[in-house]
Amino acid sequence: MSLLFTVVEIERIDLVCEVNNTDHHTLQNGVDSLIVRRGQPFTITLHLQPGTHFQNGDNINFIAQTGPIPSVEAQTKAKFSLSRFISRSSWSATAETSDSTVSLTVCSHPNAPIGVYKLILDQGEGVGLGEFVLLFNPWCKQDSVYLASEAEREEYVLSQDGLIYRGIPKRITVLPWTFGQFEPGILDICLQILDESPNYISDAALDCSERRNPVYVTRVLSAMINSLGDKGVLVGNWSDDHEDGVKPTVWKDSCSILQQWSNDGCRAVRYGQCWVFAAVACTVSRALGIPCRVVTNYGSARDSNGDLVMERFYNEFDENIANDSIWNFHVWVENWMTRPDLALGYEGWQASDPTPQHRSEGVFCCGPAPVRAIKEGELTFKYDIPFVYAEVNADVVEYIKLRDGRVFKMGGSTTEVGKSISTKAVGRDEREDITHNYKYPEDLALQNPLPEPLENCVFTIHGANLTDGKPITHE
């Protein structure tokens, strides 16, 4: 065996796609391309020219690079040498040789940017060893999307079919949906979506570097699934006029939408509503390796002014004249990831909403918002916590406005918003209620978060047997 050699004359290269894609849970993508995940080794075979000889002591170097302007500083270019052992915390490579072949094992950094990579043997001008696609890796403990449960990885990464909930709480309806993230050509379209984003167009080098961060990628997808302000995938339409497109209720899968967008030169597909936006976002997230699930909120508030209150103003004819509204249901997605930009405890499920409802930092997107932060009312955390908090926990106040301008409060509700928050159960075609992830029980929760922490306070709780004789503790 020889680990080191000077000049390698290669006759052909075998990327061993079937074996590698199987090991990396990407075999459903096919065997025509090498598709691997971060922080996990893969092996390719170099078939050498006859007469090629090896000598110990020589230095063999490699380059792995992605994007149009690869840079070591931006982490879009990695230089590494052959070593005796694979490192799973950095780019590394080992080699085993025979008379005419070299089995080259390569492992990427678990925090490397995702995307299309070129692997180069760095000898003089460099010899291309092939291309591969690098994805997020929920199976790798060092990856920021690591998900410990195999059953959840099967459901939220590998499953191509799911259920989306609509209707009203008393009559919840189920829409079967085909996500199809492993269908031919879909991964290429998902990467194309990233390349068509304003972020990439304005600064491709920075955008490709930021693709190491699932928080960044999720936020880009939230903006790109809708078409407002960019070359996004879907046009929203909540009217009854769909003559120049497809009625949102007709769609049953994501692939048809993504393929139409790509085939039409990235022209937005007409039309979608919230569940269609969310389903497409789920497909793209899973294709890129980010665990994702579709979530439905019943009695979903749309807070137009950010005061966390749904204000209904009626005139003397009982006509609603306010901008705030409550939808029967609204659908978004959750993505699983760490949040190193926030305090500990806010990792896990992050709400992201691709339906264009409001501008966030000037862009029609929403999230990722830590679900725990929504529940705790941490309104200053990134991203868009107040907007999502209002969707699930806003108070409703009703007023009547008279012709002379006088306004009178008529009543309201603290329980109308945020009911039966639902997602498909893991491994079963059943509904899982996850309302408790987003809010405390209404009879025990502070209805709105306090602007500042309280100290040395006394709370008086009214109601029978609330504590069942047990003291109330504070954590």
Protein backbone atom coordinates (compact mmCIF):
# COMPACT_ATOMS: atom_id res chain seq x y z
CA MET A 1 0.00 0.00 0.00
CA SER A 2 1.14 3.51 -0.80
CA LEU A 3 -0.48 6.58 0.64
CA LEU A 4 1.52 9.25 -1.13
CA PHE A 5 2.55 9.82 -4.74
CA THR A 6 3.68 12.61 -7.05
CA VAL A 7 1.90 12.78 -10.43
CA VAL A 8 -1.26 10.78 -10.95
CA GLU A 9 -2.12 9.83 -14.51
CA ILE A 10 -5.77 8.82 -14.49
CA GLU A 11 -7.46 6.73 -17.15
CA ARG A 12 -10.98 7.03 -15.77
CA ILE A 13 -12.87 7.83 -12.57
CA ASP A 14 -15.73 5.93 -10.98
CA LEU A 15 -17.80 8.01 -8.56
CA VAL A 16 -19.42 4.82 -7.25
CA CYS A 17 -22.75 6.65 -7.12
CA GLU A 18 -24.94 3.70 -6.19
CA VAL A 19 -22.87 2.73 -3.15
CA ASN A 20 -22.25 6.29 -1.97
CA ASN A 21 -25.82 7.46 -2.52
CA THR A 22 -27.07 4.46 -0.59
CA ASP A 23 -24.77 5.25 2.33
CA HIS A 24 -25.84 8.90 2.28
CA HIS A 25 -29.61 8.25 2.06
CA THR A 26 -29.80 9.80 -1.41
CA LEU A 27 -30.29 6.67 -3.51
CA GLN A 28 -33.85 7.77 -4.25
CA ASN A 29 -32.27 10.60 -6.26
CA GLY A 30 -30.90 7.97 -8.64
CA VAL A 31 -27.39 6.79 -9.52
CA ASP A 32 -26.49 9.20 -12.33
CA SER A 33 -24.96 11.78 -9.96
CA LEU A 34 -22.96 11.67 -6.75
CA ILE A 35 -25.12 13.18 -4.00
CA VAL A 36 -23.64 13.13 -0.51
CA ARG A 37 -24.22 14.71 2.88
CA ARG A 38 -22.03 16.89 5.09
CA GLY A 39 -19.61 15.37 7.57
CA GLN A 40 -19.91 11.84 6.17
CA PRO A 41 -17.21 10.04 4.12
CA PHE A 42 -17.68 8.88 0.54
CA THR A 43 -15.33 6.85 -1.66
CA ILE A 44 -14.48 7.16 -5.36
CA THR A 45 -12.23 4.94 -7.46
CA LEU A 46 -9.42 6.26 -9.66
CA HIS A 47 -8.39 3.90 -12.45
CA LEU A 48 -4.80 4.72 -13.34
CA GLN A 49 -2.98 4.81 -16.64
CA PRO A 50 -0.81 1.72 -17.26
CA GLY A 51 2.71 2.20 -16.01
CA THR A 52 1.82 4.73 -13.33
CA HIS A 53 4.08 4.28 -10.31
CA PHE A 54 3.85 5.55 -6.75
CA GLN A 55 6.54 6.57 -4.34
CA ASN A 56 6.25 7.04 -0.62
CA GLY A 57 6.89 10.46 0.78
CA ASP A 58 5.23 12.49 -1.93
CA ASN A 59 2.59 15.08 -1.05
CA ILE A 60 -0.89 14.73 -2.57
CA ASN A 61 -3.28 17.65 -2.22
CA PHE A 62 -6.93 18.13 -3.08
CA ILE A 63 -9.32 21.02 -3.58
CA ALA A 64 -13.08 20.93 -3.09
CA GLN A 65 -14.86 24.08 -4.21
CA THR A 66 -18.35 25.40 -4.85
CA GLY A 67 -19.86 28.54 -6.33
CA PRO A 68 -18.67 30.91 -9.05
CA ILE A 69 -15.98 32.57 -6.89
CA PRO A 70 -14.59 29.86 -4.58
CA SER A 71 -12.61 31.19 -1.65
CA VAL A 72 -10.89 29.63 1.33
CA GLU A 73 -11.83 32.65 3.44
CA ALA A 74 -15.51 32.26 2.52
CA GLN A 75 -15.35 28.50 3.17
CA THR A 76 -16.44 27.80 -0.41
CA LYS A 77 -13.00 26.36 -1.19
CA ALA A 78 -11.17 23.77 0.88
CA LYS A 79 -7.59 22.58 0.45
CA PHE A 80 -6.58 19.35 2.13
CA SER A 81 -4.01 16.58 1.86
CA LEU A 82 -4.01 12.82 2.14
CA SER A 83 -3.87 11.64 5.74
CA ARG A 84 -3.84 8.31 7.51
CA PHE A 85 -7.28 8.75 9.03
CA ILE A 86 -10.50 10.49 8.06
CA SER A 87 -11.45 13.50 10.15
CA ARG A 88 -15.17 14.19 10.46
CA SER A 89 -14.60 17.73 11.73
CA SER A 90 -12.79 19.05 8.65
CA TRP A 91 -12.21 18.27 4.98
CA SER A 92 -10.00 15.19 4.83
CA ALA A 93 -9.03 12.30 2.56
CA THR A 94 -7.41 8.88 2.73
CA ALA A 95 -6.33 6.50 -0.04
CA GLU A 96 -5.93 2.78 -0.52
CA THR A 97 -4.02 1.64 -3.59
CA SER A 98 -3.67 -1.50 -5.66
CA ASP A 99 -1.72 -2.13 -8.85
CA SER A 100 -3.99 -0.05 -11.05
CA THR A 101 -6.57 1.67 -8.83
CA VAL A 102 -6.79 4.13 -5.98
CA SER A 103 -9.79 4.09 -3.63
CA LEU A 104 -10.03 7.68 -2.48
CA THR A 105 -12.19 8.40 0.58
CA VAL A 106 -13.20 12.01 1.17
CA CYS A 107 -15.11 13.60 4.04
CA SER A 108 -16.47 17.13 4.01
CA HIS A 109 -16.60 19.58 6.88
CA PRO A 110 -19.92 19.16 8.74
CA ASN A 111 -20.48 22.91 8.40
CA ALA A 112 -19.54 23.21 4.72
CA PRO A 113 -21.85 25.17 2.40
CA ILE A 114 -24.29 22.99 0.52
CA GLY A 115 -24.31 23.02 -3.28
CA VAL A 116 -22.56 21.61 -6.34
CA TYR A 117 -18.85 20.91 -5.75
CA LYS A 118 -15.87 20.19 -7.94
CA LEU A 119 -13.25 17.82 -6.53
CA ILE A 120 -9.78 18.54 -7.90
CA LEU A 121 -6.46 16.74 -7.58
CA ASP A 122 -4.08 19.62 -6.98
CA GLN A 123 -1.00 18.77 -9.05
CA GLY A 124 0.19 21.63 -11.20
CA GLU A 125 -2.82 22.81 -13.19
CA GLY A 126 -5.14 20.49 -11.30
CA VAL A 127 -6.97 17.37 -12.43
CA GLY A 128 -10.73 17.27 -12.11
CA LEU A 129 -11.93 14.19 -10.27
CA GLY A 130 -15.62 14.88 -10.74
CA GLU A 131 -18.57 16.81 -9.38
CA PHE A 132 -20.82 16.02 -6.46
CA VAL A 133 -23.76 17.65 -4.69
CA LEU A 134 -23.35 18.28 -0.97
CA LEU A 135 -26.48 18.39 1.21
CA PHE A 136 -27.31 19.02 4.86
CA ASN A 137 -27.00 15.87 6.96
CA PRO A 138 -29.61 15.09 9.65
CA TRP A 139 -27.69 11.84 10.36
CA CYS A 140 -24.48 13.68 11.37
CA LYS A 141 -24.24 14.80 15.00
CA GLN A 142 -21.95 17.69 14.06
CA ASP A 143 -24.39 19.03 11.46
CA SER A 144 -26.69 21.84 12.58
CA VAL A 145 -29.73 19.95 11.24
CA TYR A 146 -28.94 16.75 13.16
CA LEU A 147 -32.11 14.90 14.15
CA ALA A 148 -31.61 12.06 16.63
CA SER A 149 -34.72 10.00 15.91
CA GLU A 150 -34.51 7.66 12.93
CA ALA A 151 -38.31 7.56 12.72
CA GLU A 152 -38.40 11.35 12.49
CA ARG A 153 -35.66 11.37 9.86
CA GLU A 154 -37.73 8.92 7.83
CA GLU A 155 -40.78 11.16 8.16
CA TYR A 156 -39.29 14.64 7.85
CA VAL A 157 -36.45 14.02 5.36
CA LEU A 158 -37.07 10.84 3.38
CA SER A 159 -40.85 10.57 3.11
CA GLN A 160 -42.14 11.82 -0.24
CA ASP A 161 -45.80 11.75 0.73
CA GLY A 162 -47.73 13.49 3.46
CA LEU A 163 -50.99 14.96 4.69
CA ILE A 164 -52.02 18.61 4.86
CA TYR A 165 -54.86 19.68 7.13
CA ARG A 166 -57.49 22.25 6.15
CA GLY A 167 -61.10 23.07 7.04
CA ILE A 168 -62.19 24.22 10.50
CA PRO A 169 -61.53 22.72 13.97
CA LYS A 170 -64.94 21.07 14.11
CA ARG A 171 -64.53 19.64 10.62
CA ILE A 172 -60.85 19.11 9.83
CA THR A 173 -60.26 17.89 6.29
CA VAL A 174 -57.22 16.01 5.01
CA LEU A 175 -55.41 16.67 1.73
CA PRO A 176 -52.93 13.95 0.67
CA TRP A 177 -49.88 15.58 -0.92
CA THR A 178 -46.93 14.21 -2.88
CA PHE A 179 -43.79 16.16 -1.99
CA GLY A 180 -41.61 14.21 -4.44
CA GLN A 181 -38.27 15.60 -3.28
CA PHE A 182 -36.42 12.65 -4.84
CA GLU A 183 -38.14 12.73 -8.21
CA PRO A 184 -35.80 13.14 -11.23
CA GLY A 185 -34.54 16.68 -11.65
CA ILE A 186 -36.17 18.08 -8.50
CA LEU A 187 -32.91 18.51 -6.56
CA ASP A 188 -31.45 20.47 -9.48
CA ILE A 189 -34.51 22.73 -9.45
CA CYS A 190 -34.18 23.27 -5.70
CA LEU A 191 -30.57 24.38 -6.16
CA GLN A 192 -31.72 26.56 -9.06
CA ILE A 193 -34.13 28.31 -6.71
CA LEU A 194 -31.18 29.34 -4.53
CA ASP A 195 -29.28 30.57 -7.60
CA GLU A 196 -32.23 32.72 -8.71
CA SER A 197 -32.57 34.49 -5.37
CA PRO A 198 -31.78 38.21 -5.09
CA ASN A 199 -29.12 37.30 -2.52
CA TYR A 200 -27.20 35.24 -5.06
CA ILE A 201 -27.69 37.73 -7.88
CA SER A 202 -26.42 40.65 -5.79
CA ASP A 203 -23.46 38.83 -4.18
CA ALA A 204 -22.95 35.24 -5.33
CA ALA A 205 -19.79 34.72 -3.31
CA LEU A 206 -21.42 35.74 -0.03
CA ASP A 207 -24.61 33.83 -0.78
CA CYS A 208 -22.76 30.58 -1.50
CA SER A 209 -20.75 31.01 1.69
CA GLU A 210 -23.91 31.53 3.75
CA ARG A 211 -25.39 28.30 2.41
CA ARG A 212 -23.56 26.49 5.19
CA ASN A 213 -26.23 27.88 7.55
CA PRO A 214 -29.72 26.31 7.47
CA VAL A 215 -31.15 29.44 9.12
CA TYR A 216 -30.00 31.46 6.11
CA VAL A 217 -31.14 28.88 3.55
CA THR A 218 -34.57 28.56 5.17
CA ARG A 219 -35.04 32.31 5.11
CA VAL A 220 -34.08 32.48 1.42
CA LEU A 221 -36.56 29.72 0.63
CA SER A 222 -39.31 31.52 2.54
CA ALA A 223 -38.82 34.45 0.18
CA MET A 224 -38.30 32.46 -3.02
CA ILE A 225 -41.32 30.14 -2.80
CA ASN A 226 -43.51 33.20 -3.33
CA SER A 227 -42.97 35.52 -6.27
CA LEU A 228 -43.35 38.94 -4.69
CA GLY A 229 -40.16 40.94 -5.22
CA ASP A 230 -38.11 38.19 -6.87
CA LYS A 231 -38.18 35.34 -9.40
CA GLY A 232 -39.98 33.10 -6.95
CA VAL A 233 -41.98 29.97 -7.63
CA LEU A 234 -45.64 30.76 -6.94
CA VAL A 235 -48.13 33.58 -7.39
CA GLY A 236 -50.76 33.84 -4.67
CA ASN A 237 -54.42 34.27 -5.56
CA TRP A 238 -57.25 34.40 -3.03
CA SER A 239 -59.93 35.49 -5.50
CA ASP A 240 -62.37 33.38 -7.51
CA ASP A 241 -60.68 34.27 -10.80
CA HIS A 242 -58.08 31.70 -11.89
CA GLU A 243 -58.65 31.71 -15.66
CA ASP A 244 -55.01 32.46 -16.49
CA GLY A 245 -53.64 29.76 -14.22
CA VAL A 246 -54.44 26.76 -12.05
CA LYS A 247 -56.90 27.00 -9.19
CA PRO A 248 -54.97 26.39 -5.94
CA THR A 249 -57.28 23.54 -4.91
CA VAL A 250 -56.32 21.59 -8.05
CA TRP A 251 -52.68 21.02 -7.07
CA LYS A 252 -51.89 17.69 -5.40
CA ASP A 253 -48.09 17.59 -5.66
CA SER A 254 -45.06 19.88 -5.58
CA CYS A 255 -43.16 18.45 -8.55
CA SER A 256 -45.62 19.75 -11.15
CA ILE A 257 -45.21 23.26 -9.76
CA LEU A 258 -41.41 23.15 -9.52
CA GLN A 259 -41.02 21.65 -12.98
CA GLN A 260 -43.31 24.25 -14.53
CA TRP A 261 -41.37 27.07 -12.84
CA SER A 262 -38.04 25.75 -14.13
CA ASN A 263 -39.25 24.85 -17.62
CA ASP A 264 -40.83 28.29 -18.08
CA GLY A 265 -37.57 30.10 -17.42
CA CYS A 266 -38.22 30.73 -13.73
CA ARG A 267 -41.54 32.43 -14.40
CA ALA A 268 -43.84 32.23 -11.39
CA VAL A 269 -46.53 29.55 -11.48
CA ARG A 270 -50.15 30.65 -11.14
CA TYR A 271 -51.68 30.05 -8.54
CA GLY A 272 -51.14 29.08 -4.92
CA GLN A 273 -52.57 29.63 -1.48
CA CYS A 274 -51.06 28.96 1.92
CA TRP A 275 -51.06 25.16 1.82
CA VAL A 276 -49.53 25.13 -1.67
CA PHE A 277 -46.76 27.56 -0.66
CA ALA A 278 -46.03 25.44 2.43
CA ALA A 279 -46.05 22.13 0.55
CA VAL A 280 -43.54 23.39 -2.02
CA ALA A 281 -41.34 24.80 0.75
CA CYS A 282 -41.44 21.40 2.46
CA THR A 283 -40.34 19.67 -0.75
CA VAL A 284 -37.38 22.00 -1.26
CA SER A 285 -36.31 21.81 2.40
CA ARG A 286 -36.34 18.02 2.43
CA ALA A 287 -34.54 17.86 -0.91
CA LEU A 288 -31.70 19.97 0.52
CA GLY A 289 -31.55 17.84 3.67
CA ILE A 290 -33.34 20.11 6.16
CA PRO A 291 -35.96 18.21 8.19
CA CYS A 292 -39.33 19.79 7.50
CA ARG A 293 -43.01 19.33 8.26
CA VAL A 294 -46.21 21.13 7.22
CA VAL A 295 -48.21 22.77 10.02
CA THR A 296 -51.81 24.05 10.03
CA ASN A 297 -53.09 26.69 12.45
CA TYR A 298 -56.85 27.04 12.84
CA GLY A 299 -58.22 30.47 13.64
CA SER A 300 -55.07 32.10 12.31
CA ALA A 301 -54.79 35.82 12.95
CA ARG A 302 -53.28 38.28 10.51
CA ASP A 303 -52.08 41.24 12.57
CA SER A 304 -51.78 44.21 10.22
CA ASN A 305 -50.21 46.72 12.63
CA GLY A 306 -48.06 44.61 14.96
CA ASP A 307 -49.94 45.31 18.19
CA LEU A 308 -50.65 41.60 18.85
CA VAL A 309 -54.38 42.37 18.94
CA MET A 310 -56.97 41.57 16.31
CA GLU A 311 -59.16 44.65 16.15
CA ARG A 312 -62.53 44.29 14.49
CA PHE A 313 -64.19 47.57 13.69
CA TYR A 314 -67.80 47.52 12.57
CA ASN A 315 -69.92 50.34 11.27
CA GLU A 316 -73.55 50.88 12.18
CA PHE A 317 -74.56 48.43 9.45
CA ASP A 318 -72.52 45.61 11.06
CA GLU A 319 -69.93 45.73 8.26
CA ASN A 320 -66.32 44.90 9.16
CA ILE A 321 -64.17 47.92 8.24
CA ALA A 322 -60.84 46.78 9.77
CA ASN A 323 -57.66 45.54 8.09
CA ASP A 324 -57.05 42.77 10.63
CA SER A 325 -58.48 39.38 9.73
CA ILE A 326 -58.72 35.83 11.08
CA TRP A 327 -58.44 33.01 8.57
CA ASN A 328 -60.26 29.71 9.10
CA PHE A 329 -56.86 28.09 8.79
CA HIS A 330 -53.37 29.00 7.71
CA VAL A 331 -50.52 26.67 6.75
CA TRP A 332 -46.77 27.11 7.15
CA VAL A 333 -43.77 24.82 7.68
CA GLU A 334 -41.39 24.00 10.49
CA ASN A 335 -37.71 23.25 9.89
CA TRP A 336 -35.43 21.50 12.38
CA MET A 337 -32.06 23.10 13.17
CA THR A 338 -29.86 24.61 15.83
CA ARG A 339 -29.90 28.37 16.45
CA PRO A 340 -26.34 29.38 17.40
CA ASP A 341 -27.38 33.00 16.85
CA LEU A 342 -29.76 32.75 19.83
CA ALA A 343 -29.58 31.63 23.44
CA LEU A 344 -29.49 27.93 24.24
CA GLY A 345 -32.89 26.30 24.30
CA TYR A 346 -34.25 27.78 21.09
CA GLU A 347 -32.96 25.08 18.78
CA GLY A 348 -35.33 22.52 17.28
CA TRP A 349 -38.44 23.35 15.29
CA GLN A 350 -38.45 26.74 13.59
CA ALA A 351 -41.61 28.16 11.99
CA SER A 352 -41.17 29.51 8.47
CA ASP A 353 -43.97 30.89 6.31
CA PRO A 354 -43.52 31.31 2.53
CA THR A 355 -47.01 32.76 2.03
CA PRO A 356 -46.45 36.48 1.28
CA GLN A 357 -48.24 38.27 4.12
CA HIS A 358 -45.82 40.94 5.30
CA ARG A 359 -42.35 42.28 4.69
CA SER A 360 -39.53 41.14 6.93
CA GLU A 361 -36.39 43.25 6.58
CA GLY A 362 -37.91 44.56 3.36
CA VAL A 363 -38.59 41.11 1.88
CA PHE A 364 -41.80 39.09 1.68
CA CYS A 365 -40.74 36.23 3.93
CA CYS A 366 -41.27 35.02 7.48
CA GLY A 367 -38.97 33.11 9.80
CA PRO A 368 -37.32 30.97 10.79
CA ALA A 369 -38.91 31.67 14.17
CA PRO A 370 -38.12 29.30 17.06
CA VAL A 371 -41.36 27.66 18.11
CA ARG A 372 -40.31 27.83 21.75
CA ALA A 373 -39.74 31.59 21.44
CA ILE A 374 -43.27 31.94 20.06
CA LYS A 375 -44.65 30.07 23.06
CA GLU A 376 -42.61 32.10 25.54
CA GLY A 377 -43.41 35.42 23.87
CA GLU A 378 -39.75 36.26 23.21
CA LEU A 379 -40.66 38.99 20.75
CA THR A 380 -37.14 40.32 20.15
CA PHE A 381 -35.68 37.06 18.87
CA LYS A 382 -35.06 36.49 15.18
CA TYR A 383 -37.03 36.13 13.00
CA ASP A 384 -40.56 37.57 12.92
CA ILE A 385 -41.66 36.31 16.34
CA PRO A 386 -44.35 39.01 16.85
CA PHE A 387 -46.05 38.17 13.57
CA VAL A 388 -46.21 34.42 14.22
CA TYR A 389 -47.08 34.98 17.89
CA ALA A 390 -50.11 37.01 16.83
CA GLU A 391 -51.15 34.27 14.40
CA VAL A 392 -51.54 31.79 17.25
CA ASN A 393 -52.16 33.91 20.35
CA ALA A 394 -53.59 37.34 19.54
CA ASP A 395 -56.53 38.69 21.53
CA VAL A 396 -59.64 39.69 19.61
CA VAL A 397 -61.28 43.03 20.44
CA GLU A 398 -64.44 44.26 18.72
CA TYR A 399 -65.47 47.89 18.31
CA ILE A 400 -68.29 49.79 16.70
CA LYS A 401 -67.50 53.05 14.95
CA LEU A 402 -70.37 55.48 14.58
CA ARG A 403 -70.84 57.91 11.73
CA ASP A 404 -69.87 60.81 13.98
CA GLY A 405 -66.47 59.17 14.63
CA ARG A 406 -67.12 57.88 18.13
CA VAL A 407 -65.79 54.38 18.86
CA PHE A 408 -67.19 51.97 21.45
CA LYS A 409 -65.79 48.64 22.56
CA MET A 410 -68.34 45.86 22.18
CA GLY A 411 -66.45 42.81 23.42
CA GLY A 412 -63.78 40.34 22.42
CA SER A 413 -62.21 36.94 22.91
CA THR A 414 -58.96 35.44 24.13
CA THR A 415 -59.66 31.95 22.77
CA GLU A 416 -60.66 32.52 19.14
CA VAL A 417 -57.12 32.52 17.73
CA GLY A 418 -54.73 29.59 17.49
CA LYS A 419 -56.67 26.33 17.73
CA SER A 420 -55.90 22.71 16.94
CA ILE A 421 -52.46 23.42 15.48
CA SER A 422 -51.86 20.27 13.45
CA THR A 423 -49.26 18.25 11.57
CA LYS A 424 -49.01 14.70 10.29
CA ALA A 425 -47.93 12.20 12.93
CA VAL A 426 -44.60 10.42 12.56
CA GLY A 427 -45.00 7.15 10.69
CA ARG A 428 -48.80 7.24 10.75
CA ASP A 429 -51.50 8.77 8.57
CA GLU A 430 -52.97 10.53 11.58
CA ARG A 431 -53.17 14.09 12.84
CA GLU A 432 -50.88 15.19 15.66
CA ASP A 433 -52.01 18.18 17.69
CA ILE A 434 -49.01 20.39 18.49
CA THR A 435 -50.88 23.40 19.91
CA HIS A 436 -49.00 22.97 23.19
CA ASN A 437 -45.72 23.67 21.36
CA TYR A 438 -46.94 27.14 20.42
CA LYS A 439 -48.94 28.31 23.43
CA TYR A 440 -49.82 27.57 27.01
CA PRO A 441 -53.39 26.60 27.87
CA GLU A 442 -55.55 29.71 27.55
CA ASP A 443 -56.76 29.59 31.15
CA LEU A 444 -53.20 29.61 32.49
CA ALA A 445 -51.28 31.73 30.00
CA LEU A 446 -50.53 35.41 30.06
CA GLN A 447 -52.48 36.50 27.02
CA ASN A 448 -49.78 38.89 25.83
CA PRO A 449 -46.07 38.90 26.67
CA LEU A 450 -44.92 41.59 29.04
CA PRO A 451 -42.65 44.28 27.57
CA GLU A 452 -40.18 43.95 30.46
CA PRO A 453 -39.48 41.26 33.07
CA LEU A 454 -41.34 41.81 36.34
CA GLU A 455 -39.61 41.66 39.71
CA ASN A 456 -41.04 41.35 43.23
CA CYS A 457 -44.58 40.93 41.90
CA VAL A 458 -47.68 39.25 43.24
CA PHE A 459 -50.05 37.51 40.82
CA THR A 460 -53.66 36.89 41.78
CA ILE A 461 -55.21 33.95 39.94
CA HIS A 462 -58.98 33.65 39.86
CA GLY A 463 -60.74 30.34 39.32
CA ALA A 464 -61.70 27.19 41.12
CA ASN A 465 -59.12 24.47 41.87
CA LEU A 466 -56.54 25.88 39.45
CA THR A 467 -53.63 24.54 41.46
CA ASP A 468 -55.34 21.53 42.97
CA GLY A 469 -53.86 22.42 46.34
CA LYS A 470 -50.30 22.55 45.00
CA PRO A 471 -48.07 25.63 45.15
CA ILE A 472 -47.38 27.50 41.93
CA THR A 473 -43.69 27.38 41.08
CA HIS A 474 -41.62 29.63 38.85
CA GLU A 475 -38.82 28.37 36.63
